[in-house]
Amino acid sequence: MKFIKDFKDGDRVFDIYLCKHKQSAVTKNGKPYDNVILQDKTGTIDAKIWEPNNAGIDDFDALDYVEVYGDVSSFQGALQVSVKRVRRCREGEFNPADYLPVSKKGIEPMYAELKGIINSLSNPYLKKLMQSIFIEDKAFLKAFCNSSAAKSIHHGFVGGLLEHTLSVTKLCDYYCSVYPILKRDLLLSAAMCHDIGKARELSAFPENDYTDEGQLLGHIVMGSEMVGEKIRAIDGFPKVLGNELRHCILAHHGKLEYGSPKTPALIEALALNYADDTDAKIQTFTEILEAGPEKGWMGYNRLFESNVRNSTQF
């Protein structure tokens, strides 16, 4: 199949894609058309069905797999597909693995590395807590390992939540080796738990959208509640330690305006905030570079407030 990342202006498309989004609209002249987002494992592209009532346009909905015939063109600096014909596909005509973005690092080796970190903890209460969350709770583990870390900004792929969690935890482990004042078991436990609420905040692929619970509560509050539930099931878990761990989760976005109910009051919470921000921003920049040309400037990016490009290769 021709993947979306390989589309060029002037290409003709005739292949199967996942319909990530579909919405009916009306032109300024009152003509109906459909806005569609097509997806495969390499990315997404906007598509327009200018004649939705045409005989060649099958009935289909968001999250259906559809065979698309159309033309690729550039509009306002971005590629889009003008769809001429579309057919809803049946199960067996496509391989779902071709349409869902997946971590390049491999879920099994990342999970094995995370378990190794859990085994390295010396505090018996934190170690038991991490085991109860990431090893014994099979239903949570399945969701955690297959979730994204965000709907679109960074790590928005299957295994993204695991990849982001592992990266943040490893950054925090490095911080501990440089700054002995940091309590390693507390910081690493907080790093592993900081985004567990996203397994409930975001729905499973291929939808990967905010759940009702996620919209109302958000992953930070949900994560703190999830950890609190597990703590209450462990006899004798120190109350202060539990509060410190939950504080790190509640403060990991750093500022109230960034969604944290609390600002960091512990040095471990501060370290977690910086590790989380570092990994999120580096991954976001990486995804921008991978989606752009190999050379040259890519234009102004609002998140980084700068015109961006790849580093020069010598």
C-alpha atoms as a PDB file:
ATOM      1  CA  MET A   1       0.000   0.000   0.000  1.00  0.00           C
ATOM      2  CA  LYS A   2       1.031   3.623  -0.405  1.00  0.00           C
ATOM      3  CA  PHE A   3       1.547   5.126   3.028  1.00  0.00           C
ATOM      4  CA  ILE A   4       0.436   8.657   3.866  1.00  0.00           C
ATOM      5  CA  LYS A   5       3.976   9.796   4.713  1.00  0.00           C
ATOM      6  CA  ASP A   6       4.913   9.118   1.060  1.00  0.00           C
ATOM      7  CA  PHE A   7       2.099  11.206  -0.459  1.00  0.00           C
ATOM      8  CA  LYS A   8       3.186  13.999  -2.794  1.00  0.00           C
ATOM      9  CA  ASP A   9       1.334  16.794  -4.532  1.00  0.00           C
ATOM     10  CA  GLY A  10      -0.192  15.380  -7.722  1.00  0.00           C
ATOM     11  CA  ASP A  11      -0.348  11.747  -6.551  1.00  0.00           C
ATOM     12  CA  ARG A  12      -3.370   9.598  -7.301  1.00  0.00           C
ATOM     13  CA  VAL A  13      -4.529   7.459  -4.373  1.00  0.00           C
ATOM     14  CA  PHE A  14      -6.299   4.106  -4.651  1.00  0.00           C
ATOM     15  CA  ASP A  15      -5.913   2.156  -1.413  1.00  0.00           C
ATOM     16  CA  ILE A  16      -7.461   1.342   1.977  1.00  0.00           C
ATOM     17  CA  TYR A  17      -7.190   3.738   4.937  1.00  0.00           C
ATOM     18  CA  LEU A  18      -8.757   4.150   8.353  1.00  0.00           C
ATOM     19  CA  CYS A  19     -11.325   6.942   8.577  1.00  0.00           C
ATOM     20  CA  LYS A  20     -10.257   8.632  11.807  1.00  0.00           C
ATOM     21  CA  HIS A  21     -12.849  11.425  11.602  1.00  0.00           C
ATOM     22  CA  LYS A  22     -15.823  12.350   9.447  1.00  0.00           C
ATOM     23  CA  GLN A  23     -17.983  15.462   9.590  1.00  0.00           C
ATOM     24  CA  SER A  24     -20.559  16.869   7.193  1.00  0.00           C
ATOM     25  CA  ALA A  25     -20.312  20.540   6.265  1.00  0.00           C
ATOM     26  CA  VAL A  26     -21.659  23.098   3.786  1.00  0.00           C
ATOM     27  CA  THR A  27     -19.732  25.384   1.427  1.00  0.00           C
ATOM     28  CA  LYS A  28     -20.333  29.125   1.250  1.00  0.00           C
ATOM     29  CA  ASN A  29     -22.558  28.409  -1.734  1.00  0.00           C
ATOM     30  CA  GLY A  30     -24.679  26.002   0.270  1.00  0.00           C
ATOM     31  CA  LYS A  31     -23.321  22.772  -1.254  1.00  0.00           C
ATOM     32  CA  PRO A  32     -22.878  19.835   1.149  1.00  0.00           C
ATOM     33  CA  TYR A  33     -19.465  18.151   1.494  1.00  0.00           C
ATOM     34  CA  ASP A  34     -17.683  15.900   3.997  1.00  0.00           C
ATOM     35  CA  ASN A  35     -14.529  16.628   5.982  1.00  0.00           C
ATOM     36  CA  VAL A  36     -12.601  13.406   6.535  1.00  0.00           C
ATOM     37  CA  ILE A  37      -9.312  12.531   8.224  1.00  0.00           C
ATOM     38  CA  LEU A  38      -7.619   9.441   6.807  1.00  0.00           C
ATOM     39  CA  GLN A  39      -5.031   7.548   8.847  1.00  0.00           C
ATOM     40  CA  ASP A  40      -2.436   4.828   8.514  1.00  0.00           C
ATOM     41  CA  LYS A  41       0.477   3.895  10.773  1.00  0.00           C
ATOM     42  CA  THR A  42       2.623   6.672   9.279  1.00  0.00           C
ATOM     43  CA  GLY A  43       0.247   9.571   9.971  1.00  0.00           C
ATOM     44  CA  THR A  44      -2.966  11.323   8.985  1.00  0.00           C
ATOM     45  CA  ILE A  45      -4.130  13.508   6.116  1.00  0.00           C
ATOM     46  CA  ASP A  46      -7.171  15.738   5.576  1.00  0.00           C
ATOM     47  CA  ALA A  47      -9.562  14.649   2.849  1.00  0.00           C
ATOM     48  CA  LYS A  48     -12.599  16.251   1.261  1.00  0.00           C
ATOM     49  CA  ILE A  49     -15.578  14.538  -0.357  1.00  0.00           C
ATOM     50  CA  TRP A  50     -17.003  17.343  -2.466  1.00  0.00           C
ATOM     51  CA  GLU A  51     -19.930  15.294  -3.810  1.00  0.00           C
ATOM     52  CA  PRO A  52     -21.051  13.093  -0.883  1.00  0.00           C
ATOM     53  CA  ASN A  53     -24.284  12.099  -2.654  1.00  0.00           C
ATOM     54  CA  ASN A  54     -22.433  10.730  -5.683  1.00  0.00           C
ATOM     55  CA  ALA A  55     -23.191   7.088  -6.525  1.00  0.00           C
ATOM     56  CA  GLY A  56     -19.494   6.236  -6.068  1.00  0.00           C
ATOM     57  CA  ILE A  57     -19.515   7.315  -2.413  1.00  0.00           C
ATOM     58  CA  ASP A  58     -20.443   4.459  -0.061  1.00  0.00           C
ATOM     59  CA  ASP A  59     -22.045   5.036   3.315  1.00  0.00           C
ATOM     60  CA  PHE A  60     -19.353   4.941   6.045  1.00  0.00           C
ATOM     61  CA  ASP A  61     -18.599   6.368   9.474  1.00  0.00           C
ATOM     62  CA  ALA A  62     -15.613   7.394  11.554  1.00  0.00           C
ATOM     63  CA  LEU A  63     -13.417   4.406  12.541  1.00  0.00           C
ATOM     64  CA  ASP A  64     -14.444   2.449   9.441  1.00  0.00           C
ATOM     65  CA  TYR A  65     -11.790   1.175   7.041  1.00  0.00           C
ATOM     66  CA  VAL A  66     -12.444   2.560   3.581  1.00  0.00           C
ATOM     67  CA  GLU A  67     -11.021   2.082   0.099  1.00  0.00           C
ATOM     68  CA  VAL A  68     -10.342   5.558  -1.254  1.00  0.00           C
ATOM     69  CA  TYR A  69      -9.859   6.732  -4.832  1.00  0.00           C
ATOM     70  CA  GLY A  70      -8.798  10.349  -5.154  1.00  0.00           C
ATOM     71  CA  ASP A  71      -6.142  12.947  -5.885  1.00  0.00           C
ATOM     72  CA  VAL A  72      -3.544  14.506  -3.589  1.00  0.00           C
ATOM     73  CA  SER A  73      -3.061  18.263  -3.800  1.00  0.00           C
ATOM     74  CA  SER A  74      -1.481  21.022  -1.751  1.00  0.00           C
ATOM     75  CA  PHE A  75      -3.763  23.541  -0.031  1.00  0.00           C
ATOM     76  CA  GLN A  76      -2.415  26.356   2.148  1.00  0.00           C
ATOM     77  CA  GLY A  77       0.881  24.547   2.564  1.00  0.00           C
ATOM     78  CA  ALA A  78      -0.575  21.166   3.564  1.00  0.00           C
ATOM     79  CA  LEU A  79      -1.485  18.099   1.536  1.00  0.00           C
ATOM     80  CA  GLN A  80      -5.072  16.928   1.282  1.00  0.00           C
ATOM     81  CA  VAL A  81      -6.988  14.304  -0.689  1.00  0.00           C
ATOM     82  CA  SER A  82      -9.903  15.124  -2.965  1.00  0.00           C
ATOM     83  CA  VAL A  83     -11.960  11.928  -2.800  1.00  0.00           C
ATOM     84  CA  LYS A  84     -13.724  10.790  -5.984  1.00  0.00           C
ATOM     85  CA  ARG A  85     -14.883   7.357  -4.850  1.00  0.00           C
ATOM     86  CA  VAL A  86     -14.965   5.553  -1.502  1.00  0.00           C
ATOM     87  CA  ARG A  87     -15.990   2.047  -0.471  1.00  0.00           C
ATOM     88  CA  ARG A  88     -16.490   0.741   3.035  1.00  0.00           C
ATOM     89  CA  CYS A  89     -14.295  -2.327   3.550  1.00  0.00           C
ATOM     90  CA  ARG A  90     -15.113  -5.615   5.218  1.00  0.00           C
ATOM     91  CA  GLU A  91     -13.072  -7.362   7.895  1.00  0.00           C
ATOM     92  CA  GLY A  92     -10.317  -9.413   6.278  1.00  0.00           C
ATOM     93  CA  GLU A  93      -9.611  -6.883   3.524  1.00  0.00           C
ATOM     94  CA  PHE A  94      -7.055  -5.007   5.629  1.00  0.00           C
ATOM     95  CA  ASN A  95      -4.413  -5.541   8.296  1.00  0.00           C
ATOM     96  CA  PRO A  96      -5.106  -3.238  11.303  1.00  0.00           C
ATOM     97  CA  ALA A  97      -1.355  -3.081  12.019  1.00  0.00           C
ATOM     98  CA  ASP A  98      -0.938  -0.990   8.845  1.00  0.00           C
ATOM     99  CA  TYR A  99      -3.226   1.718  10.192  1.00  0.00           C
ATOM    100  CA  LEU A 100      -2.287   2.219  13.818  1.00  0.00           C
ATOM    101  CA  PRO A 101       0.919   4.073  14.704  1.00  0.00           C
ATOM    102  CA  VAL A 102       3.035   1.890  16.996  1.00  0.00           C
ATOM    103  CA  SER A 103       6.117   2.619  19.104  1.00  0.00           C
ATOM    104  CA  LYS A 104       9.341   1.850  17.251  1.00  0.00           C
ATOM    105  CA  LYS A 105      10.952   0.628  20.478  1.00  0.00           C
ATOM    106  CA  GLY A 106       8.859  -2.509  21.009  1.00  0.00           C
ATOM    107  CA  ILE A 107       6.356  -2.954  23.807  1.00  0.00           C
ATOM    108  CA  GLU A 108       7.843  -6.154  25.263  1.00  0.00           C
ATOM    109  CA  PRO A 109      11.431  -4.885  25.694  1.00  0.00           C
ATOM    110  CA  MET A 110      10.194  -1.584  27.145  1.00  0.00           C
ATOM    111  CA  TYR A 111       7.960  -3.392  29.621  1.00  0.00           C
ATOM    112  CA  ALA A 112      10.830  -5.693  30.622  1.00  0.00           C
ATOM    113  CA  GLU A 113      12.964  -2.609  31.299  1.00  0.00           C
ATOM    114  CA  LEU A 114      10.213  -1.066  33.415  1.00  0.00           C
ATOM    115  CA  LYS A 115       9.921  -4.276  35.466  1.00  0.00           C
ATOM    116  CA  GLY A 116      13.675  -4.172  35.996  1.00  0.00           C
ATOM    117  CA  ILE A 117      13.387  -0.696  37.476  1.00  0.00           C
ATOM    118  CA  ILE A 118      10.603  -1.865  39.785  1.00  0.00           C
ATOM    119  CA  ASN A 119      12.801  -4.725  40.974  1.00  0.00           C
ATOM    120  CA  SER A 120      15.579  -2.228  41.742  1.00  0.00           C
ATOM    121  CA  LEU A 121      13.466  -0.366  44.324  1.00  0.00           C
ATOM    122  CA  SER A 122      14.513  -0.905  47.934  1.00  0.00           C
ATOM    123  CA  ASN A 123      11.526   0.582  49.809  1.00  0.00           C
ATOM    124  CA  PRO A 124       9.220  -2.424  50.427  1.00  0.00           C
ATOM    125  CA  TYR A 125       6.010  -0.382  50.346  1.00  0.00           C
ATOM    126  CA  LEU A 126       6.790   1.416  47.093  1.00  0.00           C
ATOM    127  CA  LYS A 127       8.038  -1.786  45.495  1.00  0.00           C
ATOM    128  CA  LYS A 128       4.846  -3.636  46.465  1.00  0.00           C
ATOM    129  CA  LEU A 129       2.763  -0.713  45.190  1.00  0.00           C
ATOM    130  CA  MET A 130       4.530  -0.665  41.809  1.00  0.00           C
ATOM    131  CA  GLN A 131       4.144  -4.436  41.507  1.00  0.00           C
ATOM    132  CA  SER A 132       0.433  -4.209  42.277  1.00  0.00           C
ATOM    133  CA  ILE A 133      -0.034  -1.606  39.526  1.00  0.00           C
ATOM    134  CA  PHE A 134       2.332  -2.672  36.760  1.00  0.00           C
ATOM    135  CA  ILE A 135       2.554  -6.441  37.230  1.00  0.00           C
ATOM    136  CA  GLU A 136      -0.471  -7.815  39.096  1.00  0.00           C
ATOM    137  CA  ASP A 137      -3.254  -5.651  37.619  1.00  0.00           C
ATOM    138  CA  LYS A 138      -3.566  -7.371  34.233  1.00  0.00           C
ATOM    139  CA  ALA A 139      -6.522  -5.295  33.004  1.00  0.00           C
ATOM    140  CA  PHE A 140      -4.712  -2.024  33.714  1.00  0.00           C
ATOM    141  CA  LEU A 141      -1.454  -3.378  32.278  1.00  0.00           C
ATOM    142  CA  LYS A 142      -3.095  -4.219  28.943  1.00  0.00           C
ATOM    143  CA  ALA A 143      -4.539  -0.704  28.656  1.00  0.00           C
ATOM    144  CA  PHE A 144      -1.293   0.924  29.820  1.00  0.00           C
ATOM    145  CA  CYS A 145       0.924  -0.908  27.323  1.00  0.00           C
ATOM    146  CA  ASN A 146      -1.395  -0.211  24.373  1.00  0.00           C
ATOM    147  CA  SER A 147      -2.339   3.406  25.157  1.00  0.00           C
ATOM    148  CA  SER A 148      -0.921   6.576  23.708  1.00  0.00           C
ATOM    149  CA  ALA A 149       0.527   9.300  25.918  1.00  0.00           C
ATOM    150  CA  ALA A 150      -1.543  11.991  24.200  1.00  0.00           C
ATOM    151  CA  LYS A 151      -4.249  12.397  21.612  1.00  0.00           C
ATOM    152  CA  SER A 152      -1.951  14.198  19.183  1.00  0.00           C
ATOM    153  CA  ILE A 153       0.862  16.307  20.729  1.00  0.00           C
ATOM    154  CA  HIS A 154       3.487  13.668  21.604  1.00  0.00           C
ATOM    155  CA  HIS A 155       3.726   9.869  21.825  1.00  0.00           C
ATOM    156  CA  GLY A 156       0.335   9.607  20.107  1.00  0.00           C
ATOM    157  CA  PHE A 157       0.771   5.950  19.139  1.00  0.00           C
ATOM    158  CA  VAL A 158       0.221   2.428  20.472  1.00  0.00           C
ATOM    159  CA  GLY A 159       2.778   1.946  23.236  1.00  0.00           C
ATOM    160  CA  GLY A 160       3.287   5.703  23.532  1.00  0.00           C
ATOM    161  CA  LEU A 161       2.268   5.829  27.192  1.00  0.00           C
ATOM    162  CA  LEU A 162       4.711   3.059  28.074  1.00  0.00           C
ATOM    163  CA  GLU A 163       7.500   4.675  26.017  1.00  0.00           C
ATOM    164  CA  HIS A 164       6.961   8.091  27.612  1.00  0.00           C
ATOM    165  CA  THR A 165       6.724   6.615  31.121  1.00  0.00           C
ATOM    166  CA  LEU A 166       9.939   4.643  30.682  1.00  0.00           C
ATOM    167  CA  SER A 167      11.804   7.662  29.269  1.00  0.00           C
ATOM    168  CA  VAL A 168      10.695   9.916  32.129  1.00  0.00           C
ATOM    169  CA  THR A 169      11.618   7.245  34.690  1.00  0.00           C
ATOM    170  CA  LYS A 170      15.087   6.807  33.174  1.00  0.00           C
ATOM    171  CA  LEU A 171      15.628  10.564  33.163  1.00  0.00           C
ATOM    172  CA  CYS A 172      14.664  10.657  36.837  1.00  0.00           C
ATOM    173  CA  ASP A 173      17.065   7.790  37.566  1.00  0.00           C
ATOM    174  CA  TYR A 174      19.832   9.842  35.939  1.00  0.00           C
ATOM    175  CA  TYR A 175      18.876  12.862  38.049  1.00  0.00           C
ATOM    176  CA  CYS A 176      19.272  10.701  41.168  1.00  0.00           C
ATOM    177  CA  SER A 177      22.815   9.757  40.153  1.00  0.00           C
ATOM    178  CA  VAL A 178      23.742  13.443  39.771  1.00  0.00           C
ATOM    179  CA  TYR A 179      21.753  14.922  42.669  1.00  0.00           C
ATOM    180  CA  PRO A 180      22.041  12.642  45.740  1.00  0.00           C
ATOM    181  CA  ILE A 181      19.480  14.751  47.626  1.00  0.00           C
ATOM    182  CA  LEU A 182      16.732  13.134  45.550  1.00  0.00           C
ATOM    183  CA  LYS A 183      15.013  10.121  47.115  1.00  0.00           C
ATOM    184  CA  ARG A 184      15.332   7.571  44.306  1.00  0.00           C
ATOM    185  CA  ASP A 185      12.518   5.204  45.283  1.00  0.00           C
ATOM    186  CA  LEU A 186      10.018   8.033  45.694  1.00  0.00           C
ATOM    187  CA  LEU A 187      11.013   9.809  42.480  1.00  0.00           C
ATOM    188  CA  LEU A 188      11.089   6.688  40.310  1.00  0.00           C
ATOM    189  CA  SER A 189       7.769   5.466  41.699  1.00  0.00           C
ATOM    190  CA  ALA A 190       6.236   8.862  40.967  1.00  0.00           C
ATOM    191  CA  ALA A 191       7.718   8.816  37.461  1.00  0.00           C
ATOM    192  CA  MET A 192       6.226   5.409  36.725  1.00  0.00           C
ATOM    193  CA  CYS A 193       2.821   6.512  38.045  1.00  0.00           C
ATOM    194  CA  HIS A 194       2.702  10.109  36.841  1.00  0.00           C
ATOM    195  CA  ASP A 195       0.595   9.434  33.721  1.00  0.00           C
ATOM    196  CA  ILE A 196      -1.233   6.207  34.596  1.00  0.00           C
ATOM    197  CA  GLY A 197      -4.513   8.142  34.497  1.00  0.00           C
ATOM    198  CA  LYS A 198      -4.083   8.439  30.724  1.00  0.00           C
ATOM    199  CA  ALA A 199      -4.992   4.764  30.396  1.00  0.00           C
ATOM    200  CA  ARG A 200      -8.505   5.909  31.390  1.00  0.00           C
ATOM    201  CA  GLU A 201      -8.399   9.480  30.085  1.00  0.00           C
ATOM    202  CA  LEU A 202      -7.965   8.319  26.474  1.00  0.00           C
ATOM    203  CA  SER A 203      -9.984   5.625  24.730  1.00  0.00           C
ATOM    204  CA  ALA A 204      -8.354   2.662  23.022  1.00  0.00           C
ATOM    205  CA  PHE A 205      -7.125   2.766  19.433  1.00  0.00           C
ATOM    206  CA  PRO A 206      -8.224   3.323  16.758  1.00  0.00           C
ATOM    207  CA  GLU A 207     -10.394   5.971  18.442  1.00  0.00           C
ATOM    208  CA  ASN A 208      -7.713   7.385  20.799  1.00  0.00           C
ATOM    209  CA  ASP A 209      -9.938  10.221  21.972  1.00  0.00           C
ATOM    210  CA  TYR A 210     -10.878  11.680  25.347  1.00  0.00           C
ATOM    211  CA  THR A 211     -13.313   9.607  27.389  1.00  0.00           C
ATOM    212  CA  ASP A 212     -16.161  11.190  29.314  1.00  0.00           C
ATOM    213  CA  GLU A 213     -14.280  10.498  32.560  1.00  0.00           C
ATOM    214  CA  GLY A 214     -11.132  11.979  31.064  1.00  0.00           C
ATOM    215  CA  GLN A 215     -12.911  15.169  30.031  1.00  0.00           C
ATOM    216  CA  LEU A 216     -14.481  15.635  33.455  1.00  0.00           C
ATOM    217  CA  LEU A 217     -11.538  14.727  35.690  1.00  0.00           C
ATOM    218  CA  GLY A 218      -8.309  14.631  33.675  1.00  0.00           C
ATOM    219  CA  HIS A 219      -5.443  12.171  33.937  1.00  0.00           C
ATOM    220  CA  ILE A 220      -3.660  13.915  36.830  1.00  0.00           C
ATOM    221  CA  VAL A 221      -6.567  13.634  39.261  1.00  0.00           C
ATOM    222  CA  MET A 222      -7.483  10.193  37.960  1.00  0.00           C
ATOM    223  CA  GLY A 223      -3.901   8.976  38.386  1.00  0.00           C
ATOM    224  CA  SER A 224      -3.755  10.216  41.965  1.00  0.00           C
ATOM    225  CA  GLU A 225      -7.027   8.431  42.723  1.00  0.00           C
ATOM    226  CA  MET A 226      -5.790   5.190  41.128  1.00  0.00           C
ATOM    227  CA  VAL A 227      -2.628   5.249  43.232  1.00  0.00           C
ATOM    228  CA  GLY A 228      -4.670   6.027  46.359  1.00  0.00           C
ATOM    229  CA  GLU A 229      -6.878   2.977  45.741  1.00  0.00           C
ATOM    230  CA  LYS A 230      -3.835   0.702  45.446  1.00  0.00           C
ATOM    231  CA  ILE A 231      -2.206   2.214  48.551  1.00  0.00           C
ATOM    232  CA  ARG A 232      -5.306   1.502  50.665  1.00  0.00           C
ATOM    233  CA  ALA A 233      -5.022  -2.170  49.734  1.00  0.00           C
ATOM    234  CA  ILE A 234      -1.500  -2.438  51.211  1.00  0.00           C
ATOM    235  CA  ASP A 235      -1.431  -2.953  54.985  1.00  0.00           C
ATOM    236  CA  GLY A 236       0.691  -0.463  56.869  1.00  0.00           C
ATOM    237  CA  PHE A 237       1.570   1.746  53.906  1.00  0.00           C
ATOM    238  CA  PRO A 238       3.013   4.928  55.510  1.00  0.00           C
ATOM    239  CA  LYS A 239       0.517   7.774  55.201  1.00  0.00           C
ATOM    240  CA  VAL A 240       3.165  10.467  54.677  1.00  0.00           C
ATOM    241  CA  LEU A 241       4.893   8.442  51.953  1.00  0.00           C
ATOM    242  CA  GLY A 242       1.575   7.930  50.181  1.00  0.00           C
ATOM    243  CA  ASN A 243       0.808  11.636  50.335  1.00  0.00           C
ATOM    244  CA  GLU A 244       4.266  12.535  49.019  1.00  0.00           C
ATOM    245  CA  LEU A 245       3.873  10.138  46.095  1.00  0.00           C
ATOM    246  CA  ARG A 246       0.445  11.472  45.229  1.00  0.00           C
ATOM    247  CA  HIS A 247       1.722  15.046  45.550  1.00  0.00           C
ATOM    248  CA  CYS A 248       4.368  14.327  42.907  1.00  0.00           C
ATOM    249  CA  ILE A 249       1.643  13.065  40.571  1.00  0.00           C
ATOM    250  CA  LEU A 250      -0.622  16.064  41.255  1.00  0.00           C
ATOM    251  CA  ALA A 251       2.238  18.537  40.696  1.00  0.00           C
ATOM    252  CA  HIS A 252       3.958  16.974  37.679  1.00  0.00           C
ATOM    253  CA  HIS A 253       2.778  19.628  35.193  1.00  0.00           C
ATOM    254  CA  GLY A 254       4.519  22.219  37.358  1.00  0.00           C
ATOM    255  CA  LYS A 255       2.040  25.088  37.252  1.00  0.00           C
ATOM    256  CA  LEU A 256      -1.648  25.546  37.968  1.00  0.00           C
ATOM    257  CA  GLU A 257      -2.186  27.039  34.507  1.00  0.00           C
ATOM    258  CA  TYR A 258      -0.715  23.877  32.970  1.00  0.00           C
ATOM    259  CA  GLY A 259      -3.323  21.696  34.665  1.00  0.00           C
ATOM    260  CA  SER A 260      -1.582  20.705  37.899  1.00  0.00           C
ATOM    261  CA  PRO A 261      -3.842  20.954  40.977  1.00  0.00           C
ATOM    262  CA  LYS A 262      -0.677  21.602  43.025  1.00  0.00           C
ATOM    263  CA  THR A 263       2.693  23.189  42.314  1.00  0.00           C
ATOM    264  CA  PRO A 264       5.827  21.240  43.352  1.00  0.00           C
ATOM    265  CA  ALA A 265       6.471  21.378  47.108  1.00  0.00           C
ATOM    266  CA  LEU A 266       8.961  18.492  47.122  1.00  0.00           C
ATOM    267  CA  ILE A 267      12.281  18.387  45.288  1.00  0.00           C
ATOM    268  CA  GLU A 268      11.221  15.039  43.797  1.00  0.00           C
ATOM    269  CA  ALA A 269       8.065  16.665  42.418  1.00  0.00           C
ATOM    270  CA  LEU A 270      10.194  19.380  40.830  1.00  0.00           C
ATOM    271  CA  ALA A 271      12.532  16.809  39.267  1.00  0.00           C
ATOM    272  CA  LEU A 272       9.558  14.858  37.903  1.00  0.00           C
ATOM    273  CA  ASN A 273       8.096  18.006  36.365  1.00  0.00           C
ATOM    274  CA  TYR A 274      11.337  18.748  34.503  1.00  0.00           C
ATOM    275  CA  ALA A 275      11.783  15.138  33.337  1.00  0.00           C
ATOM    276  CA  ASP A 276       8.198  14.981  32.068  1.00  0.00           C
ATOM    277  CA  ASP A 277       8.512  18.319  30.271  1.00  0.00           C
ATOM    278  CA  THR A 278      11.873  17.370  28.747  1.00  0.00           C
ATOM    279  CA  ASP A 279      10.665  14.072  27.297  1.00  0.00           C
ATOM    280  CA  ALA A 280       7.394  15.538  26.015  1.00  0.00           C
ATOM    281  CA  LYS A 281       9.124  18.450  24.259  1.00  0.00           C
ATOM    282  CA  ILE A 282      11.991  16.408  22.789  1.00  0.00           C
ATOM    283  CA  GLN A 283       9.536  13.830  21.437  1.00  0.00           C
ATOM    284  CA  THR A 284       7.285  16.563  20.025  1.00  0.00           C
ATOM    285  CA  PHE A 285      10.248  18.178  18.259  1.00  0.00           C
ATOM    286  CA  THR A 286      11.341  14.748  16.996  1.00  0.00           C
ATOM    287  CA  GLU A 287       7.919  14.105  15.475  1.00  0.00           C
ATOM    288  CA  ILE A 288       7.968  17.535  13.806  1.00  0.00           C
ATOM    289  CA  LEU A 289      11.367  16.811  12.243  1.00  0.00           C
ATOM    290  CA  GLU A 290      10.365  13.317  11.106  1.00  0.00           C
ATOM    291  CA  ALA A 291       7.245  14.665   9.416  1.00  0.00           C
ATOM    292  CA  GLY A 292       9.128  17.424   7.589  1.00  0.00           C
ATOM    293  CA  PRO A 293      11.772  17.559   4.873  1.00  0.00           C
ATOM    294  CA  GLU A 294      15.257  16.208   5.585  1.00  0.00           C
ATOM    295  CA  LYS A 295      16.786  19.624   4.883  1.00  0.00           C
ATOM    296  CA  GLY A 296      15.702  23.224   5.143  1.00  0.00           C
ATOM    297  CA  TRP A 297      13.496  25.295   7.384  1.00  0.00           C
ATOM    298  CA  MET A 298      10.057  23.930   8.256  1.00  0.00           C
ATOM    299  CA  GLY A 299       8.291  27.129   9.212  1.00  0.00           C
ATOM    300  CA  TYR A 300       7.119  28.648  12.472  1.00  0.00           C
ATOM    301  CA  ASN A 301       5.987  26.281  15.200  1.00  0.00           C
ATOM    302  CA  ARG A 302       3.595  27.711  17.779  1.00  0.00           C
ATOM    303  CA  LEU A 303       4.565  25.329  20.577  1.00  0.00           C
ATOM    304  CA  PHE A 304       8.266  26.217  20.380  1.00  0.00           C
ATOM    305  CA  GLU A 305       7.646  29.805  19.221  1.00  0.00           C
ATOM    306  CA  SER A 306      10.364  29.458  16.619  1.00  0.00           C
ATOM    307  CA  ASN A 307      11.042  28.649  12.992  1.00  0.00           C
ATOM    308  CA  VAL A 308      12.503  25.108  13.156  1.00  0.00           C
ATOM    309  CA  ARG A 309      14.762  22.893  11.062  1.00  0.00           C
ATOM    310  CA  ASN A 310      16.980  19.798  11.311  1.00  0.00           C
ATOM    311  CA  SER A 311      20.518  20.142  12.642  1.00  0.00           C
ATOM    312  CA  THR A 312      23.296  20.277  10.021  1.00  0.00           C
ATOM    313  CA  GLN A 313      25.016  16.968   9.306  1.00  0.00           C
ATOM    314  CA  PHE A 314      28.831  17.175   9.078  1.00  0.00           C
END
